[in-house]
PDB file of N, CA and C in Angstrom:
ATOM      1  N   UNK A   1     -79.822 -57.105   6.838  1.00  0.00           N
ATOM      2  CA  UNK A   1     -79.454 -57.161   8.227  1.00  0.00           C
ATOM      3  C   UNK A   1     -78.604 -55.929   8.558  1.00  0.00           C
ATOM      4  N   UNK A   2     -78.992 -55.249   9.631  1.00  0.00           N
ATOM      5  CA  UNK A   2     -78.281 -54.025   9.977  1.00  0.00           C
ATOM      6  C   UNK A   2     -77.533 -54.197  11.289  1.00  0.00           C
ATOM      7  N   UNK A   3     -76.232 -53.764  11.336  1.00  0.00           N
ATOM      8  CA  UNK A   3     -75.400 -53.863  12.556  1.00  0.00           C
ATOM      9  C   UNK A   3     -75.808 -52.792  13.530  1.00  0.00           C
ATOM     10  N   UNK A   4     -75.795 -53.160  14.816  1.00  0.00           N
ATOM     11  CA  UNK A   4     -76.131 -52.163  15.865  1.00  0.00           C
ATOM     12  C   UNK A   4     -74.952 -51.240  16.103  1.00  0.00           C
ATOM     13  N   UNK A   5     -75.212 -49.964  16.201  1.00  0.00           N
ATOM     14  CA  UNK A   5     -74.154 -48.988  16.439  1.00  0.00           C
ATOM     15  C   UNK A   5     -74.227 -48.497  17.891  1.00  0.00           C
ATOM     16  N   UNK A   6     -75.114 -48.993  18.654  1.00  0.00           N
ATOM     17  CA  UNK A   6     -75.243 -48.596  20.081  1.00  0.00           C
ATOM     18  C   UNK A   6     -74.281 -49.378  20.919  1.00  0.00           C
ATOM     19  N   UNK A   7     -73.662 -48.667  21.858  1.00  0.00           N
ATOM     20  CA  UNK A   7     -72.769 -49.365  22.837  1.00  0.00           C
ATOM     21  C   UNK A   7     -73.625 -50.152  23.771  1.00  0.00           C
ATOM     22  N   UNK A   8     -73.108 -51.287  24.281  1.00  0.00           N
ATOM     23  CA  UNK A   8     -73.903 -52.076  25.270  1.00  0.00           C
ATOM     24  C   UNK A   8     -74.153 -51.266  26.505  1.00  0.00           C
ATOM     25  N   UNK A   9     -75.272 -51.523  27.098  1.00  0.00           N
ATOM     26  CA  UNK A   9     -75.634 -50.779  28.315  1.00  0.00           C
ATOM     27  C   UNK A   9     -74.669 -51.149  29.472  1.00  0.00           C
ATOM     28  N   UNK A  10     -74.296 -50.135  30.203  1.00  0.00           N
ATOM     29  CA  UNK A  10     -73.381 -50.377  31.366  1.00  0.00           C
ATOM     30  C   UNK A  10     -74.195 -50.544  32.605  1.00  0.00           C
ATOM     31  N   UNK A  11     -73.757 -51.432  33.467  1.00  0.00           N
ATOM     32  CA  UNK A  11     -74.465 -51.567  34.753  1.00  0.00           C
ATOM     33  C   UNK A  11     -74.323 -50.301  35.591  1.00  0.00           C
ATOM     34  N   UNK A  12     -75.264 -50.085  36.417  1.00  0.00           N
ATOM     35  CA  UNK A  12     -75.205 -48.901  37.300  1.00  0.00           C
ATOM     36  C   UNK A  12     -74.054 -49.015  38.259  1.00  0.00           C
ATOM     37  N   UNK A  13     -73.371 -47.936  38.548  1.00  0.00           N
ATOM     38  CA  UNK A  13     -72.243 -48.000  39.478  1.00  0.00           C
ATOM     39  C   UNK A  13     -72.741 -48.367  40.884  1.00  0.00           C
ATOM     40  N   UNK A  14     -71.930 -49.080  41.670  1.00  0.00           N
ATOM     41  CA  UNK A  14     -72.342 -49.434  43.033  1.00  0.00           C
ATOM     42  C   UNK A  14     -72.502 -48.189  43.885  1.00  0.00           C
ATOM     43  N   UNK A  15     -73.323 -48.292  44.803  1.00  0.00           N
ATOM     44  CA  UNK A  15     -73.630 -47.176  45.731  1.00  0.00           C
ATOM     45  C   UNK A  15     -73.191 -47.614  47.114  1.00  0.00           C
ATOM     46  N   UNK A  16     -72.553 -46.706  47.878  1.00  0.00           N
ATOM     47  CA  UNK A  16     -72.133 -47.016  49.247  1.00  0.00           C
ATOM     48  C   UNK A  16     -70.631 -47.213  49.313  1.00  0.00           C
ATOM     49  N   UNK A  17     -70.156 -47.661  50.431  1.00  0.00           N
ATOM     50  CA  UNK A  17     -68.724 -47.875  50.654  1.00  0.00           C
ATOM     51  C   UNK A  17     -68.351 -49.348  50.413  1.00  0.00           C
ATOM     52  N   UNK A  18     -67.079 -49.574  50.286  1.00  0.00           N
ATOM     53  CA  UNK A  18     -66.626 -50.962  50.137  1.00  0.00           C
ATOM     54  C   UNK A  18     -66.904 -51.729  51.411  1.00  0.00           C
ATOM     55  N   UNK A  19     -66.765 -51.088  52.527  1.00  0.00           N
ATOM     56  CA  UNK A  19     -67.029 -51.756  53.827  1.00  0.00           C
ATOM     57  C   UNK A  19     -68.432 -52.248  53.878  1.00  0.00           C
ATOM     58  N   UNK A  20     -69.357 -51.475  53.310  1.00  0.00           N
ATOM     59  CA  UNK A  20     -70.772 -51.905  53.350  1.00  0.00           C
ATOM     60  C   UNK A  20     -70.979 -53.185  52.525  1.00  0.00           C
ATOM     61  N   UNK A  21     -70.143 -53.436  51.558  1.00  0.00           N
ATOM     62  CA  UNK A  21     -70.268 -54.660  50.737  1.00  0.00           C
ATOM     63  C   UNK A  21     -69.587 -55.873  51.301  1.00  0.00           C
ATOM     64  N   UNK A  22     -68.827 -55.689  52.373  1.00  0.00           N
ATOM     65  CA  UNK A  22     -68.081 -56.785  52.980  1.00  0.00           C
ATOM     66  C   UNK A  22     -68.798 -57.228  54.240  1.00  0.00           C
ATOM     67  N   UNK A  23     -69.150 -58.508  54.341  1.00  0.00           N
ATOM     68  CA  UNK A  23     -69.800 -58.972  55.559  1.00  0.00           C
ATOM     69  C   UNK A  23     -68.859 -58.837  56.737  1.00  0.00           C
ATOM     70  N   UNK A  24     -69.368 -58.448  57.859  1.00  0.00           N
ATOM     71  CA  UNK A  24     -68.514 -58.306  59.016  1.00  0.00           C
ATOM     72  C   UNK A  24     -68.765 -59.443  60.012  1.00  0.00           C
ATOM     73  N   UNK A  25     -67.666 -59.907  60.578  1.00  0.00           N
ATOM     74  CA  UNK A  25     -67.750 -60.883  61.618  1.00  0.00           C
ATOM     75  C   UNK A  25     -66.751 -60.512  62.676  1.00  0.00           C
ATOM     76  N   UNK A  26     -66.981 -60.908  63.864  1.00  0.00           N
ATOM     77  CA  UNK A  26     -66.036 -60.675  64.973  1.00  0.00           C
ATOM     78  C   UNK A  26     -65.634 -62.062  65.511  1.00  0.00           C
ATOM     79  N   UNK A  27     -64.311 -62.307  65.476  1.00  0.00           N
ATOM     80  CA  UNK A  27     -63.859 -63.608  65.954  1.00  0.00           C
ATOM     81  C   UNK A  27     -64.168 -63.744  67.440  1.00  0.00           C
ATOM     82  N   UNK A  28     -64.459 -64.986  67.840  1.00  0.00           N
ATOM     83  CA  UNK A  28     -64.782 -65.176  69.271  1.00  0.00           C
ATOM     84  C   UNK A  28     -63.579 -65.440  70.109  1.00  0.00           C
ATOM     85  N   UNK A  29     -62.445 -65.757  69.447  1.00  0.00           N
ATOM     86  CA  UNK A  29     -61.244 -65.991  70.212  1.00  0.00           C
ATOM     87  C   UNK A  29     -60.008 -65.729  69.355  1.00  0.00           C
ATOM     88  N   UNK A  30     -58.898 -65.560  70.016  1.00  0.00           N
ATOM     89  CA  UNK A  30     -57.611 -65.381  69.358  1.00  0.00           C
ATOM     90  C   UNK A  30     -56.684 -66.461  69.823  1.00  0.00           C
ATOM     91  N   UNK A  31     -55.997 -67.115  68.914  1.00  0.00           N
ATOM     92  CA  UNK A  31     -55.053 -68.193  69.245  1.00  0.00           C
ATOM     93  C   UNK A  31     -53.640 -67.703  68.799  1.00  0.00           C
ATOM     94  N   UNK A  32     -52.698 -67.733  69.714  1.00  0.00           N
ATOM     95  CA  UNK A  32     -51.335 -67.334  69.432  1.00  0.00           C
ATOM     96  C   UNK A  32     -50.409 -68.495  69.702  1.00  0.00           C
ATOM     97  N   UNK A  33     -49.544 -68.782  68.752  1.00  0.00           N
ATOM     98  CA  UNK A  33     -48.545 -69.846  68.922  1.00  0.00           C
ATOM     99  C   UNK A  33     -47.208 -69.181  69.235  1.00  0.00           C
ATOM    100  N   UNK A  34     -46.559 -69.609  70.294  1.00  0.00           N
ATOM    101  CA  UNK A  34     -45.290 -69.052  70.720  1.00  0.00           C
ATOM    102  C   UNK A  34     -44.286 -70.178  70.860  1.00  0.00           C
ATOM    103  N   UNK A  35     -43.049 -69.786  70.954  1.00  0.00           N
ATOM    104  CA  UNK A  35     -41.979 -70.817  71.215  1.00  0.00           C
ATOM    105  C   UNK A  35     -41.567 -71.503  69.930  1.00  0.00           C
ATOM    106  N   UNK A  36     -40.565 -72.372  70.052  1.00  0.00           N
ATOM    107  CA  UNK A  36     -40.061 -73.046  68.906  1.00  0.00           C
ATOM    108  C   UNK A  36     -41.142 -73.921  68.238  1.00  0.00           C
ATOM    109  N   UNK A  37     -41.331 -73.773  66.965  1.00  0.00           N
ATOM    110  CA  UNK A  37     -42.332 -74.482  66.174  1.00  0.00           C
ATOM    111  C   UNK A  37     -43.726 -74.390  66.828  1.00  0.00           C
ATOM    112  N   UNK A  38     -44.018 -73.257  67.428  1.00  0.00           N
ATOM    113  CA  UNK A  38     -45.374 -73.034  68.005  1.00  0.00           C
ATOM    114  C   UNK A  38     -45.676 -73.969  69.152  1.00  0.00           C
ATOM    115  N   UNK A  39     -44.661 -74.335  69.946  1.00  0.00           N
ATOM    116  CA  UNK A  39     -44.860 -75.291  71.027  1.00  0.00           C
ATOM    117  C   UNK A  39     -45.742 -74.757  72.140  1.00  0.00           C
ATOM    118  N   UNK A  40     -45.819 -73.457  72.286  1.00  0.00           N
ATOM    119  CA  UNK A  40     -46.672 -72.875  73.328  1.00  0.00           C
ATOM    120  C   UNK A  40     -47.888 -72.244  72.601  1.00  0.00           C
ATOM    121  N   UNK A  41     -49.075 -72.652  72.966  1.00  0.00           N
ATOM    122  CA  UNK A  41     -50.292 -72.130  72.315  1.00  0.00           C
ATOM    123  C   UNK A  41     -51.150 -71.478  73.388  1.00  0.00           C
ATOM    124  N   UNK A  42     -51.569 -70.238  73.123  1.00  0.00           N
ATOM    125  CA  UNK A  42     -52.405 -69.512  74.049  1.00  0.00           C
ATOM    126  C   UNK A  42     -53.686 -69.165  73.275  1.00  0.00           C
ATOM    127  N   UNK A  43     -54.841 -69.508  73.856  1.00  0.00           N
ATOM    128  CA  UNK A  43     -56.120 -69.164  73.232  1.00  0.00           C
ATOM    129  C   UNK A  43     -56.872 -68.281  74.275  1.00  0.00           C
ATOM    130  N   UNK A  44     -57.316 -67.120  73.818  1.00  0.00           N
ATOM    131  CA  UNK A  44     -58.034 -66.202  74.709  1.00  0.00           C
ATOM    132  C   UNK A  44     -59.281 -65.700  73.994  1.00  0.00           C
ATOM    133  N   UNK A  45     -60.273 -65.251  74.764  1.00  0.00           N
ATOM    134  CA  UNK A  45     -61.424 -64.663  74.144  1.00  0.00           C
ATOM    135  C   UNK A  45     -61.002 -63.363  73.451  1.00  0.00           C
ATOM    136  N   UNK A  46     -61.689 -62.920  72.417  1.00  0.00           N
ATOM    137  CA  UNK A  46     -61.394 -61.698  71.722  1.00  0.00           C
ATOM    138  C   UNK A  46     -61.576 -60.547  72.703  1.00  0.00           C
ATOM    139  N   UNK A  47     -60.558 -59.646  72.816  1.00  0.00           N
ATOM    140  CA  UNK A  47     -60.700 -58.511  73.727  1.00  0.00           C
ATOM    141  C   UNK A  47     -61.818 -57.586  73.285  1.00  0.00           C
ATOM    142  N   UNK A  48     -62.650 -57.204  74.182  1.00  0.00           N
ATOM    143  CA  UNK A  48     -63.757 -56.290  73.795  1.00  0.00           C
ATOM    144  C   UNK A  48     -63.741 -54.997  74.552  1.00  0.00           C
ATOM    145  N   UNK A  49     -63.017 -54.937  75.706  1.00  0.00           N
ATOM    146  CA  UNK A  49     -62.942 -53.708  76.482  1.00  0.00           C
ATOM    147  C   UNK A  49     -61.504 -53.355  76.724  1.00  0.00           C
ATOM    148  N   UNK A  50     -61.284 -52.120  77.215  1.00  0.00           N
ATOM    149  CA  UNK A  50     -59.927 -51.662  77.529  1.00  0.00           C
ATOM    150  C   UNK A  50     -59.258 -52.597  78.524  1.00  0.00           C
ATOM    151  N   UNK A  51     -60.023 -53.097  79.477  1.00  0.00           N
ATOM    152  CA  UNK A  51     -59.462 -54.014  80.447  1.00  0.00           C
ATOM    153  C   UNK A  51     -59.020 -55.323  79.804  1.00  0.00           C
ATOM    154  N   UNK A  52     -59.809 -55.827  78.844  1.00  0.00           N
ATOM    155  CA  UNK A  52     -59.401 -57.038  78.116  1.00  0.00           C
ATOM    156  C   UNK A  52     -58.155 -56.795  77.308  1.00  0.00           C
ATOM    157  N   UNK A  53     -58.015 -55.623  76.661  1.00  0.00           N
ATOM    158  CA  UNK A  53     -56.843 -55.301  75.884  1.00  0.00           C
ATOM    159  C   UNK A  53     -55.612 -55.214  76.779  1.00  0.00           C
ATOM    160  N   UNK A  54     -55.752 -54.566  77.948  1.00  0.00           N
ATOM    161  CA  UNK A  54     -54.644 -54.469  78.882  1.00  0.00           C
ATOM    162  C   UNK A  54     -54.224 -55.862  79.327  1.00  0.00           C
ATOM    163  N   UNK A  55     -55.162 -56.757  79.585  1.00  0.00           N
ATOM    164  CA  UNK A  55     -54.858 -58.118  79.992  1.00  0.00           C
ATOM    165  C   UNK A  55     -54.103 -58.861  78.858  1.00  0.00           C
ATOM    166  N   UNK A  56     -54.489 -58.640  77.645  1.00  0.00           N
ATOM    167  CA  UNK A  56     -53.777 -59.257  76.497  1.00  0.00           C
ATOM    168  C   UNK A  56     -52.381 -58.729  76.383  1.00  0.00           C
ATOM    169  N   UNK A  57     -52.225 -57.402  76.544  1.00  0.00           N
ATOM    170  CA  UNK A  57     -50.877 -56.817  76.509  1.00  0.00           C
ATOM    171  C   UNK A  57     -49.994 -57.419  77.549  1.00  0.00           C
ATOM    172  N   UNK A  58     -50.516 -57.566  78.769  1.00  0.00           N
ATOM    173  CA  UNK A  58     -49.715 -58.146  79.869  1.00  0.00           C
ATOM    174  C   UNK A  58     -49.337 -59.605  79.582  1.00  0.00           C
ATOM    175  N   UNK A  59     -50.246 -60.345  78.988  1.00  0.00           N
ATOM    176  CA  UNK A  59     -49.956 -61.751  78.591  1.00  0.00           C
ATOM    177  C   UNK A  59     -48.835 -61.825  77.607  1.00  0.00           C
ATOM    178  N   UNK A  60     -48.887 -61.001  76.575  1.00  0.00           N
ATOM    179  CA  UNK A  60     -47.830 -60.997  75.557  1.00  0.00           C
ATOM    180  C   UNK A  60     -46.521 -60.506  76.182  1.00  0.00           C
ATOM    181  N   UNK A  61     -46.593 -59.450  76.964  1.00  0.00           N
ATOM    182  CA  UNK A  61     -45.373 -58.949  77.655  1.00  0.00           C
ATOM    183  C   UNK A  61     -44.722 -60.042  78.511  1.00  0.00           C
ATOM    184  N   UNK A  62     -45.521 -60.744  79.272  1.00  0.00           N
ATOM    185  CA  UNK A  62     -44.990 -61.816  80.092  1.00  0.00           C
ATOM    186  C   UNK A  62     -44.392 -62.918  79.277  1.00  0.00           C
ATOM    187  N   UNK A  63     -45.009 -63.201  78.107  1.00  0.00           N
ATOM    188  CA  UNK A  63     -44.515 -64.292  77.238  1.00  0.00           C
ATOM    189  C   UNK A  63     -43.198 -63.928  76.591  1.00  0.00           C
ATOM    190  N   UNK A  64     -43.040 -62.684  76.170  1.00  0.00           N
ATOM    191  CA  UNK A  64     -41.834 -62.297  75.414  1.00  0.00           C
ATOM    192  C   UNK A  64     -40.803 -61.520  76.188  1.00  0.00           C
ATOM    193  N   UNK A  65     -41.166 -60.918  77.330  1.00  0.00           N
ATOM    194  CA  UNK A  65     -40.270 -60.105  78.079  1.00  0.00           C
ATOM    195  C   UNK A  65     -40.193 -60.544  79.525  1.00  0.00           C
ATOM    196  N   UNK A  66     -39.685 -61.774  79.724  1.00  0.00           N
ATOM    197  CA  UNK A  66     -39.639 -62.317  81.063  1.00  0.00           C
ATOM    198  C   UNK A  66     -38.761 -61.493  81.968  1.00  0.00           C
ATOM    199  N   UNK A  67     -39.053 -61.548  83.225  1.00  0.00           N
ATOM    200  CA  UNK A  67     -38.324 -60.752  84.193  1.00  0.00           C
ATOM    201  C   UNK A  67     -37.434 -61.674  85.108  1.00  0.00           C
ATOM    202  N   UNK A  68     -37.212 -62.888  84.637  1.00  0.00           N
ATOM    203  CA  UNK A  68     -36.436 -63.819  85.439  1.00  0.00           C
ATOM    204  C   UNK A  68     -34.934 -63.645  85.059  1.00  0.00           C
ATOM    205  N   UNK A  69     -34.059 -63.904  85.999  1.00  0.00           N
ATOM    206  CA  UNK A  69     -32.624 -63.729  85.749  1.00  0.00           C
ATOM    207  C   UNK A  69     -32.095 -64.707  84.684  1.00  0.00           C
ATOM    208  N   UNK A  70     -32.599 -65.957  84.684  1.00  0.00           N
ATOM    209  CA  UNK A  70     -32.164 -66.909  83.667  1.00  0.00           C
ATOM    210  C   UNK A  70     -32.545 -66.467  82.296  1.00  0.00           C
ATOM    211  N   UNK A  71     -33.743 -65.887  82.154  1.00  0.00           N
ATOM    212  CA  UNK A  71     -34.231 -65.386  80.891  1.00  0.00           C
ATOM    213  C   UNK A  71     -33.352 -64.234  80.382  1.00  0.00           C
ATOM    214  N   UNK A  72     -33.077 -63.320  81.310  1.00  0.00           N
ATOM    215  CA  UNK A  72     -32.233 -62.138  80.960  1.00  0.00           C
ATOM    216  C   UNK A  72     -30.834 -62.607  80.527  1.00  0.00           C
ATOM    217  N   UNK A  73     -30.286 -63.590  81.249  1.00  0.00           N
ATOM    218  CA  UNK A  73     -28.973 -64.092  80.913  1.00  0.00           C
ATOM    219  C   UNK A  73     -29.001 -64.734  79.529  1.00  0.00           C
ATOM    220  N   UNK A  74     -29.994 -65.517  79.190  1.00  0.00           N
ATOM    221  CA  UNK A  74     -30.125 -66.187  77.929  1.00  0.00           C
ATOM    222  C   UNK A  74     -30.216 -65.104  76.794  1.00  0.00           C
ATOM    223  N   UNK A  75     -31.013 -64.081  76.986  1.00  0.00           N
ATOM    224  CA  UNK A  75     -31.102 -63.025  75.991  1.00  0.00           C
ATOM    225  C   UNK A  75     -29.795 -62.329  75.812  1.00  0.00           C
ATOM    226  N   UNK A  76     -29.094 -62.032  76.888  1.00  0.00           N
ATOM    227  CA  UNK A  76     -27.786 -61.369  76.794  1.00  0.00           C
ATOM    228  C   UNK A  76     -26.783 -62.206  75.995  1.00  0.00           C
ATOM    229  N   UNK A  77     -26.809 -63.545  76.311  1.00  0.00           N
ATOM    230  CA  UNK A  77     -25.866 -64.436  75.620  1.00  0.00           C
ATOM    231  C   UNK A  77     -26.174 -64.537  74.154  1.00  0.00           C
ATOM    232  N   UNK A  78     -27.479 -64.573  73.798  1.00  0.00           N
ATOM    233  CA  UNK A  78     -27.857 -64.607  72.351  1.00  0.00           C
ATOM    234  C   UNK A  78     -27.405 -63.320  71.664  1.00  0.00           C
ATOM    235  N   UNK A  79     -27.558 -62.171  72.344  1.00  0.00           N
ATOM    236  CA  UNK A  79     -27.147 -60.930  71.709  1.00  0.00           C
ATOM    237  C   UNK A  79     -25.641 -60.876  71.522  1.00  0.00           C
ATOM    238  N   UNK A  80     -24.900 -61.320  72.541  1.00  0.00           N
ATOM    239  CA  UNK A  80     -23.435 -61.321  72.453  1.00  0.00           C
ATOM    240  C   UNK A  80     -22.958 -62.254  71.355  1.00  0.00           C
ATOM    241  N   UNK A  81     -23.611 -63.417  71.219  1.00  0.00           N
ATOM    242  CA  UNK A  81     -23.219 -64.346  70.124  1.00  0.00           C
ATOM    243  C   UNK A  81     -23.539 -63.761  68.748  1.00  0.00           C
ATOM    244  N   UNK A  82     -24.630 -63.027  68.633  1.00  0.00           N
ATOM    245  CA  UNK A  82     -24.985 -62.380  67.356  1.00  0.00           C
ATOM    246  C   UNK A  82     -23.941 -61.272  67.049  1.00  0.00           C
ATOM    247  N   UNK A  83     -23.545 -60.592  68.089  1.00  0.00           N
ATOM    248  CA  UNK A  83     -22.491 -59.497  67.871  1.00  0.00           C
ATOM    249  C   UNK A  83     -21.223 -60.079  67.426  1.00  0.00           C
ATOM    250  N   UNK A  84     -20.781 -61.201  68.092  1.00  0.00           N
ATOM    251  CA  UNK A  84     -19.534 -61.847  67.656  1.00  0.00           C
ATOM    252  C   UNK A  84     -19.601 -62.346  66.247  1.00  0.00           C
ATOM    253  N   UNK A  85     -20.729 -62.941  65.889  1.00  0.00           N
ATOM    254  CA  UNK A  85     -20.878 -63.437  64.508  1.00  0.00           C
ATOM    255  C   UNK A  85     -20.818 -62.260  63.495  1.00  0.00           C
ATOM    256  N   UNK A  86     -21.464 -61.154  63.840  1.00  0.00           N
ATOM    257  CA  UNK A  86     -21.458 -60.013  62.943  1.00  0.00           C
ATOM    258  C   UNK A  86     -19.995 -59.467  62.768  1.00  0.00           C
ATOM    259  N   UNK A  87     -19.262 -59.345  63.879  1.00  0.00           N
ATOM    260  CA  UNK A  87     -17.923 -58.880  63.816  1.00  0.00           C
ATOM    261  C   UNK A  87     -17.017 -59.800  63.008  1.00  0.00           C
ATOM    262  N   UNK A  88     -17.210 -61.106  63.194  1.00  0.00           N
ATOM    263  CA  UNK A  88     -16.470 -62.087  62.435  1.00  0.00           C
ATOM    264  C   UNK A  88     -16.769 -61.958  60.917  1.00  0.00           C
ATOM    265  N   UNK A  89     -18.042 -61.746  60.616  1.00  0.00           N
ATOM    266  CA  UNK A  89     -18.438 -61.571  59.209  1.00  0.00           C
ATOM    267  C   UNK A  89     -17.824 -60.322  58.600  1.00  0.00           C
ATOM    268  N   UNK A  90     -17.658 -59.260  59.365  1.00  0.00           N
ATOM    269  CA  UNK A  90     -17.031 -58.048  58.853  1.00  0.00           C
ATOM    270  C   UNK A  90     -15.540 -58.195  58.621  1.00  0.00           C
ATOM    271  N   UNK A  91     -14.913 -59.150  59.347  1.00  0.00           N
ATOM    272  CA  UNK A  91     -13.501 -59.341  59.171  1.00  0.00           C
ATOM    273  C   UNK A  91     -13.173 -60.077  57.854  1.00  0.00           C
ATOM    274  N   UNK A  92     -14.163 -60.669  57.257  1.00  0.00           N
ATOM    275  CA  UNK A  92     -13.965 -61.301  55.964  1.00  0.00           C
ATOM    276  C   UNK A  92     -13.723 -62.700  56.114  1.00  0.00           C
TER     277      UNK A  92
END
């Protein structure tokens, strides 16, 4: 009995790009959870045009950057409280 001295055959290297090997899908909608514990849920169709993207930006801006006085006051108070806590922490 004679031992084989030949190396095993290697498979041919793949041809093409990685992207070509990954199936592509486009989601039909985007769901975003906002608020404490995701209490606010927004579901929109996937943006496909510049107008759709602008509408999505406006939706997010309105959700996170309200222009109401009570919202601005709440954000200011949260920032001031964080500043006081940081200064207290620096005092030891």
